[in-house]
Amino acid sequence: MKILFLYHPYVNVGMTDALCAVSESFFCAPKPKAPLPENVRQMDFREFRTLQRRILNHEFDLIITYANREGLWRPGRSFVHNSIHATKKLLTKFPDFVVRLLLPTIKKSGTRLIVYDYDDLTVIPPTRNAFIDACQIYFKIHPAINLHKSFLFQTKRDGNVWNVLRNPQYTAWTKKIRPMSYGTDYKDSYDECLAPEKKYDVFFSGSTHHSPVRQEGRRLLEMLQAKGLRICLPEKVPHREFLRLCSESWLVLSPEGAEWQSARHYESLLMKSVPLINYPTVRLHQPLLDGIHAIFYPPEGDLLADVIHQALADKPRLIRISEQGRKHVLCHHIHTQLVQEMIRQADLLGNQ
């Protein structure tokens, strides 16, 4: 299968690397911060014109792209203001909008298109309507449990979910949305960080300024630390040290940050610890199950403290959960496997 991957800079470097490894890849941003890999080309106007011809000649079996963060045309702006804005963006940041400009060509060719939306938002902004309309599958890291809520606030009327439910276009689009895991890498260096014994009951390290759930979690851990539990609460640490501290702890507090999913969920299990996660608020791909792959807790009040005490009272159970959770992550949540799952789902759709 010949795959074309069009991407712009994103935080999830591991997923980008996994997608680049199986495709012909183009970097769709004006200036990369680091040299591009040998198998990745910089997008420019000449490459854009060449790709248009190649897509129309059906050279690709599948096209994968990230969803653009920004649109050329913004609702609420005057025609003149939008025209000036769009012209300025195209002249100064043309590669950012290549995928949007290629959508008519992709639709005309009939080539299958899947979109990977990595944003923390559960709502899909209207600037991405053209993407979800053109694609066959829209993989989203944080889809709303009620998928119709993905289209809240598209227009003035859509602030009400009942109006969204009445819109047949939104209903059709919900059928394209699939959950996708945040995932993680797995490298040999992870095994080198495994500790021979547990030193701590609970470990947490991470920013809290944007997450009241994390702030509450840290407050409770400080309270438990004062009562004698072995709590490890360092400031931000290098990734290798983070992995080692996960391995040295029975439990790793992993509350939501900007959104529910986090690499911390999966990395703690790879390091043979058990993540403590507040109950999920989004749809999930191959979800971690409470008491089987992780331990979930209600964020209200001081209930987290009760969950921690109950979990630590049964260490053999924690060992079982960590073993089952590690197998689950290795089977379903490594970036290379997530890419294969995206391709598999696209194949299934194409064979229907």
Protein backbone atom coordinates (compact mmCIF):
# COMPACT_ATOMS: atom_id res chain seq x y z
CA MET A 1 0.00 0.00 0.00
CA LYS A 2 1.35 3.45 -0.96
CA ILE A 3 0.58 6.02 1.74
CA LEU A 4 0.98 9.80 1.64
CA PHE A 5 1.38 11.58 5.00
CA LEU A 6 0.98 15.36 5.22
CA TYR A 7 1.82 16.87 8.58
CA HIS A 8 2.73 20.03 10.46
CA PRO A 9 4.59 20.36 13.78
CA TYR A 10 2.91 18.63 16.68
CA VAL A 11 3.89 17.68 20.22
CA ASN A 12 3.34 13.96 19.66
CA VAL A 13 6.69 13.34 17.98
CA GLY A 14 6.46 9.56 18.43
CA MET A 15 3.24 9.34 16.44
CA THR A 16 4.70 11.52 13.70
CA ASP A 17 7.79 9.30 13.47
CA ALA A 18 5.64 6.17 13.29
CA LEU A 19 3.54 7.64 10.47
CA CYS A 20 6.61 8.84 8.56
CA ALA A 21 8.10 5.33 8.73
CA VAL A 22 5.27 3.82 6.65
CA SER A 23 4.59 6.62 4.18
CA GLU A 24 5.89 9.19 1.76
CA SER A 25 5.89 12.24 4.03
CA PHE A 26 5.76 16.00 3.58
CA PHE A 27 6.39 18.62 6.25
CA CYS A 28 3.62 21.19 5.82
CA ALA A 29 4.98 24.17 7.72
CA PRO A 30 7.25 27.04 6.60
CA LYS A 31 10.35 26.28 8.69
CA PRO A 32 11.24 23.10 10.59
CA LYS A 33 12.97 23.69 13.94
CA ALA A 34 15.35 20.79 13.26
CA PRO A 35 16.66 19.11 10.09
CA LEU A 36 14.03 16.91 8.50
CA PRO A 37 14.59 13.14 8.29
CA GLU A 38 15.84 11.86 4.93
CA ASN A 39 12.45 10.38 4.02
CA VAL A 40 10.56 13.66 4.68
CA ARG A 41 10.36 16.52 2.19
CA GLN A 42 9.62 20.18 2.78
CA MET A 43 6.33 21.33 1.26
CA ASP A 44 6.47 24.29 -1.14
CA PHE A 45 4.44 25.51 -4.10
CA ARG A 46 6.28 23.27 -6.59
CA GLU A 47 5.70 20.16 -4.44
CA PHE A 48 2.07 21.20 -4.04
CA ARG A 49 1.49 21.32 -7.80
CA THR A 50 3.29 17.99 -8.26
CA LEU A 51 1.18 16.37 -5.53
CA GLN A 52 -2.02 17.59 -7.16
CA ARG A 53 -1.09 15.74 -10.36
CA ARG A 54 0.04 12.60 -8.51
CA ILE A 55 -3.17 12.42 -6.47
CA LEU A 56 -5.31 12.83 -9.59
CA ASN A 57 -3.24 10.04 -11.21
CA HIS A 58 -4.17 7.78 -8.26
CA GLU A 59 -0.58 7.19 -7.15
CA PHE A 60 -1.61 6.83 -3.51
CA ASP A 61 -3.87 4.23 -1.91
CA LEU A 62 -4.32 6.24 1.30
CA ILE A 63 -3.67 9.79 2.47
CA ILE A 64 -3.17 10.56 6.17
CA THR A 65 -3.05 14.10 7.52
CA TYR A 66 -3.20 16.05 10.74
CA ALA A 67 -6.15 18.40 11.11
CA ASN A 68 -5.15 22.02 10.56
CA ARG A 69 -5.39 24.22 13.62
CA GLU A 70 -6.36 27.36 11.74
CA GLY A 71 -8.58 28.10 8.75
CA LEU A 72 -8.12 30.74 6.09
CA TRP A 73 -11.69 31.99 6.46
CA ARG A 74 -12.94 32.91 9.93
CA PRO A 75 -16.64 33.15 10.85
CA GLY A 76 -17.72 36.55 12.07
CA ARG A 77 -15.21 38.52 10.01
CA SER A 78 -16.19 40.75 7.13
CA PHE A 79 -15.48 39.61 3.56
CA VAL A 80 -12.78 42.26 3.15
CA HIS A 81 -11.11 41.38 6.47
CA ASN A 82 -11.17 37.66 5.63
CA SER A 83 -9.76 38.29 2.15
CA ILE A 84 -6.85 40.31 3.53
CA HIS A 85 -6.20 37.73 6.24
CA ALA A 86 -6.27 34.80 3.78
CA THR A 87 -3.98 36.52 1.28
CA LYS A 88 -1.45 37.41 3.98
CA LYS A 89 -1.45 33.84 5.35
CA LEU A 90 -1.02 32.24 1.93
CA LEU A 91 1.87 34.55 1.05
CA THR A 92 3.74 34.11 4.33
CA LYS A 93 2.75 30.62 5.52
CA PHE A 94 1.63 28.76 2.40
CA PRO A 95 2.66 25.23 3.55
CA ASP A 96 0.39 25.51 6.62
CA PHE A 97 -2.65 25.48 4.35
CA VAL A 98 -1.56 22.94 1.73
CA VAL A 99 -3.75 20.16 3.08
CA ARG A 100 -6.82 22.43 3.09
CA LEU A 101 -6.05 23.44 -0.50
CA LEU A 102 -5.56 19.79 -1.54
CA LEU A 103 -8.94 18.63 -0.20
CA PRO A 104 -10.87 19.31 -3.45
CA THR A 105 -8.23 17.36 -5.40
CA ILE A 106 -8.40 14.45 -2.94
CA LYS A 107 -12.20 14.34 -3.14
CA LYS A 108 -12.10 14.47 -6.94
CA SER A 109 -9.60 11.60 -7.13
CA GLY A 110 -11.60 9.41 -4.75
CA THR A 111 -8.45 8.58 -2.75
CA ARG A 112 -9.20 7.51 0.80
CA LEU A 113 -8.36 10.17 3.37
CA ILE A 114 -8.05 9.75 7.12
CA VAL A 115 -7.54 12.66 9.50
CA TYR A 116 -5.69 12.51 12.81
CA ASP A 117 -6.92 15.20 15.23
CA TYR A 118 -4.54 15.46 18.18
CA ASP A 119 -6.14 18.47 19.89
CA ASP A 120 -7.21 18.38 23.53
CA LEU A 121 -10.61 19.86 22.66
CA THR A 122 -13.63 17.59 22.53
CA VAL A 123 -15.28 20.15 20.24
CA ILE A 124 -14.26 20.15 16.58
CA PRO A 125 -13.88 23.81 15.51
CA PRO A 126 -15.65 24.95 12.32
CA THR A 127 -12.28 25.57 10.63
CA ARG A 128 -12.04 21.75 10.34
CA ASN A 129 -15.43 21.16 8.75
CA ALA A 130 -13.84 20.74 5.32
CA PHE A 131 -11.52 18.03 6.73
CA ILE A 132 -14.25 15.96 8.35
CA ASP A 133 -16.44 16.36 5.27
CA ALA A 134 -13.70 15.13 2.90
CA CYS A 135 -12.33 12.23 4.96
CA GLN A 136 -13.56 8.68 5.41
CA ILE A 137 -12.37 8.39 9.04
CA TYR A 138 -11.67 11.19 11.53
CA PHE A 139 -9.47 9.83 14.32
CA LYS A 140 -9.68 12.03 17.40
CA ILE A 141 -7.67 11.78 20.62
CA HIS A 142 -10.43 13.24 22.78
CA PRO A 143 -13.87 12.69 21.21
CA ALA A 144 -16.90 13.63 23.27
CA ILE A 145 -18.85 10.73 24.80
CA ASN A 146 -21.93 12.14 23.07
CA LEU A 147 -20.40 12.60 19.62
CA HIS A 148 -22.97 15.23 18.65
CA LYS A 149 -21.36 17.52 21.23
CA SER A 150 -18.32 17.59 18.93
CA PHE A 151 -20.22 20.22 16.91
CA LEU A 152 -21.36 22.53 19.66
CA PHE A 153 -20.82 26.26 19.00
CA GLN A 154 -20.29 25.87 15.25
CA THR A 155 -22.89 28.60 14.76
CA LYS A 156 -25.00 30.76 17.11
CA ARG A 157 -27.75 28.10 17.05
CA ASP A 158 -25.38 25.25 17.87
CA GLY A 159 -24.80 26.27 21.46
CA ASN A 160 -27.77 24.00 22.16
CA VAL A 161 -27.13 20.27 21.72
CA TRP A 162 -30.75 19.72 20.62
CA ASN A 163 -30.16 21.94 17.60
CA VAL A 164 -27.00 19.95 16.81
CA LEU A 165 -29.03 16.71 16.96
CA ARG A 166 -31.50 18.11 14.43
CA ASN A 167 -28.77 18.85 11.86
CA PRO A 168 -28.40 15.88 9.43
CA GLN A 169 -24.92 17.05 8.38
CA TYR A 170 -23.59 16.76 11.93
CA THR A 171 -25.23 13.34 12.32
CA ALA A 172 -23.47 12.12 9.18
CA TRP A 173 -20.14 13.47 10.42
CA THR A 174 -20.44 11.73 13.82
CA LYS A 175 -20.29 8.39 11.97
CA LYS A 176 -16.77 9.23 10.78
CA ILE A 177 -15.35 10.00 14.24
CA ARG A 178 -13.28 7.25 15.88
CA PRO A 179 -11.35 7.45 19.15
CA MET A 180 -7.58 7.09 18.98
CA SER A 181 -5.14 6.58 21.82
CA TYR A 182 -2.62 9.23 22.86
CA GLY A 183 -0.20 6.31 23.00
CA THR A 184 3.49 6.26 23.80
CA ASP A 185 6.81 5.07 22.44
CA TYR A 186 8.50 1.98 23.77
CA LYS A 187 12.28 1.84 23.61
CA ASP A 188 14.96 -0.46 25.00
CA SER A 189 16.00 2.35 27.35
CA TYR A 190 12.70 1.89 29.21
CA ASP A 191 13.81 -1.55 30.39
CA GLU A 192 17.09 -0.08 31.62
CA CYS A 193 15.07 2.22 33.94
CA LEU A 194 13.19 -0.62 35.64
CA ALA A 195 13.93 -0.65 39.38
CA PRO A 196 14.60 -3.86 41.37
CA GLU A 197 12.29 -2.79 44.23
CA LYS A 198 9.58 -0.34 45.24
CA LYS A 199 10.70 2.64 47.32
CA TYR A 200 7.55 4.77 47.24
CA ASP A 201 3.82 4.29 47.73
CA VAL A 202 2.79 7.05 45.32
CA PHE A 203 4.71 9.16 42.79
CA PHE A 204 3.65 12.33 40.99
CA SER A 205 5.60 14.87 38.98
CA GLY A 206 4.04 17.28 36.53
CA SER A 207 2.78 20.81 35.95
CA THR A 208 -0.39 21.74 37.83
CA HIS A 209 -1.05 25.36 36.82
CA HIS A 210 -3.56 24.45 34.08
CA SER A 211 -5.31 21.60 35.90
CA PRO A 212 -7.41 21.96 39.07
CA VAL A 213 -7.65 18.14 39.16
CA ARG A 214 -3.85 17.91 39.41
CA GLN A 215 -3.75 20.69 41.99
CA GLU A 216 -6.23 18.80 44.18
CA GLY A 217 -4.33 15.55 43.68
CA ARG A 218 -1.03 17.09 44.73
CA ARG A 219 -2.66 18.68 47.80
CA LEU A 220 -3.99 15.29 48.90
CA LEU A 221 -0.60 13.64 48.36
CA GLU A 222 1.08 16.28 50.51
CA MET A 223 -1.54 15.57 53.20
CA LEU A 224 -0.86 11.81 53.02
CA GLN A 225 2.89 12.45 53.07
CA ALA A 226 2.47 14.35 56.33
CA LYS A 227 0.66 11.29 57.73
CA GLY A 228 3.56 8.97 56.96
CA LEU A 229 2.95 7.54 53.47
CA ARG A 230 6.00 7.30 51.23
CA ILE A 231 5.12 9.95 48.67
CA CYS A 232 7.55 11.10 45.95
CA LEU A 233 6.74 14.64 44.75
CA PRO A 234 9.73 16.06 42.85
CA GLU A 235 9.53 19.07 40.59
CA LYS A 236 9.84 18.48 36.86
CA VAL A 237 12.41 15.74 36.17
CA PRO A 238 14.12 14.46 32.98
CA HIS A 239 12.18 11.73 31.19
CA ARG A 240 14.61 8.95 32.06
CA GLU A 241 14.41 9.92 35.75
CA PHE A 242 10.63 10.08 35.48
CA LEU A 243 10.54 6.50 34.21
CA ARG A 244 12.80 5.30 37.02
CA LEU A 245 10.62 6.95 39.67
CA CYS A 246 7.53 5.36 38.11
CA SER A 247 9.20 1.97 38.43
CA GLU A 248 10.16 2.61 42.05
CA SER A 249 6.54 3.42 43.02
CA TRP A 250 3.51 1.22 43.59
CA LEU A 251 1.14 3.91 42.30
CA VAL A 252 1.62 6.81 39.88
CA LEU A 253 -0.90 9.65 40.17
CA SER A 254 -2.00 10.46 36.62
CA PRO A 255 -4.88 12.96 36.73
CA GLU A 256 -6.01 14.78 33.62
CA GLY A 257 -4.11 17.86 32.52
CA ALA A 258 -5.45 19.89 29.60
CA GLU A 259 -7.48 16.76 28.79
CA TRP A 260 -7.94 13.21 30.03
CA GLN A 261 -5.40 11.18 28.06
CA SER A 262 -1.69 11.36 28.87
CA ALA A 263 1.44 9.40 28.02
CA ARG A 264 1.84 9.10 31.81
CA HIS A 265 -1.07 6.59 31.88
CA TYR A 266 0.78 4.23 29.55
CA GLU A 267 4.38 4.88 30.62
CA SER A 268 3.64 4.08 34.27
CA LEU A 269 2.31 0.68 33.21
CA LEU A 270 5.35 0.04 31.01
CA MET A 271 7.43 0.68 34.12
CA LYS A 272 5.38 -1.90 36.10
CA SER A 273 3.52 0.60 38.25
CA VAL A 274 -0.24 1.25 38.46
CA PRO A 275 -1.64 4.60 37.28
CA LEU A 276 -4.21 6.36 39.46
CA ILE A 277 -6.52 8.16 37.01
CA ASN A 278 -9.66 10.21 37.53
CA TYR A 279 -12.67 8.66 35.77
CA PRO A 280 -12.57 9.18 31.97
CA THR A 281 -14.50 12.03 30.39
CA VAL A 282 -14.06 11.05 26.70
CA ARG A 283 -14.45 8.07 24.37
CA LEU A 284 -11.35 5.89 24.26
CA HIS A 285 -9.57 3.48 21.93
CA GLN A 286 -8.84 0.16 23.66
CA PRO A 287 -9.55 1.74 27.07
CA LEU A 288 -7.72 0.98 30.27
CA LEU A 289 -10.23 -0.74 32.55
CA ASP A 290 -10.67 0.08 36.22
CA GLY A 291 -9.22 -2.61 38.47
CA ILE A 292 -7.78 -4.52 35.50
CA HIS A 293 -5.29 -2.17 33.82
CA ALA A 294 -5.43 0.86 36.14
CA ILE A 295 -7.22 2.26 39.17
CA PHE A 296 -9.73 5.05 38.64
CA TYR A 297 -10.83 7.50 41.30
CA PRO A 298 -13.60 10.10 41.69
CA PRO A 299 -12.14 13.63 41.81
CA GLU A 300 -14.70 14.92 44.31
CA GLY A 301 -13.63 15.79 47.85
CA ASP A 302 -10.91 13.69 49.46
CA LEU A 303 -12.06 10.37 47.93
CA LEU A 304 -8.67 9.92 46.25
CA ALA A 305 -7.12 9.36 49.69
CA ASP A 306 -9.52 6.47 50.38
CA VAL A 307 -8.73 4.91 46.98
CA ILE A 308 -4.98 5.12 47.69
CA HIS A 309 -5.31 3.47 51.11
CA GLN A 310 -7.46 0.65 49.68
CA ALA A 311 -5.06 0.06 46.78
CA LEU A 312 -1.94 -0.05 48.96
CA ALA A 313 -3.61 -2.53 51.33
CA ASP A 314 -3.49 -5.23 48.61
CA LYS A 315 -0.03 -5.28 46.98
CA PRO A 316 -0.57 -8.64 45.15
CA ARG A 317 -3.54 -7.02 43.41
CA LEU A 318 -1.38 -4.07 42.35
CA ILE A 319 1.16 -6.49 40.88
CA ARG A 320 -1.59 -8.22 38.87
CA ILE A 321 -2.97 -4.89 37.61
CA SER A 322 0.47 -3.67 36.57
CA GLU A 323 1.20 -6.92 34.69
CA GLN A 324 -2.14 -6.94 32.89
CA GLY A 325 -1.91 -3.22 32.15
CA ARG A 326 1.62 -3.54 30.76
CA LYS A 327 0.52 -6.30 28.37
CA HIS A 328 -2.45 -4.17 27.30
CA VAL A 329 -0.25 -1.15 26.56
CA LEU A 330 2.28 -3.23 24.62
CA CYS A 331 -0.54 -4.73 22.54
CA HIS A 332 -2.59 -1.60 21.84
CA HIS A 333 -1.00 1.72 22.81
CA ILE A 334 2.49 1.84 21.24
CA HIS A 335 2.64 4.44 18.45
CA THR A 336 3.72 1.99 15.75
CA GLN A 337 0.71 -0.22 16.56
CA LEU A 338 -1.66 2.73 16.59
CA VAL A 339 -0.55 3.63 13.06
CA GLN A 340 -1.17 0.05 11.91
CA GLU A 341 -4.62 0.20 13.52
CA MET A 342 -5.44 3.39 11.61
CA ILE A 343 -4.40 1.75 8.35
CA ARG A 344 -6.34 -1.42 9.22
CA GLN A 345 -9.53 0.54 9.85
CA ALA A 346 -9.07 2.42 6.57
CA ASP A 347 -8.64 -0.93 4.77
CA LEU A 348 -11.79 -2.35 6.35
CA LEU A 349 -13.76 0.70 5.24
CA GLY A 350 -12.38 0.44 1.72
CA ASN A 351 -13.37 -3.23 1.45
CA GLN A 352 -16.99 -2.64 2.45
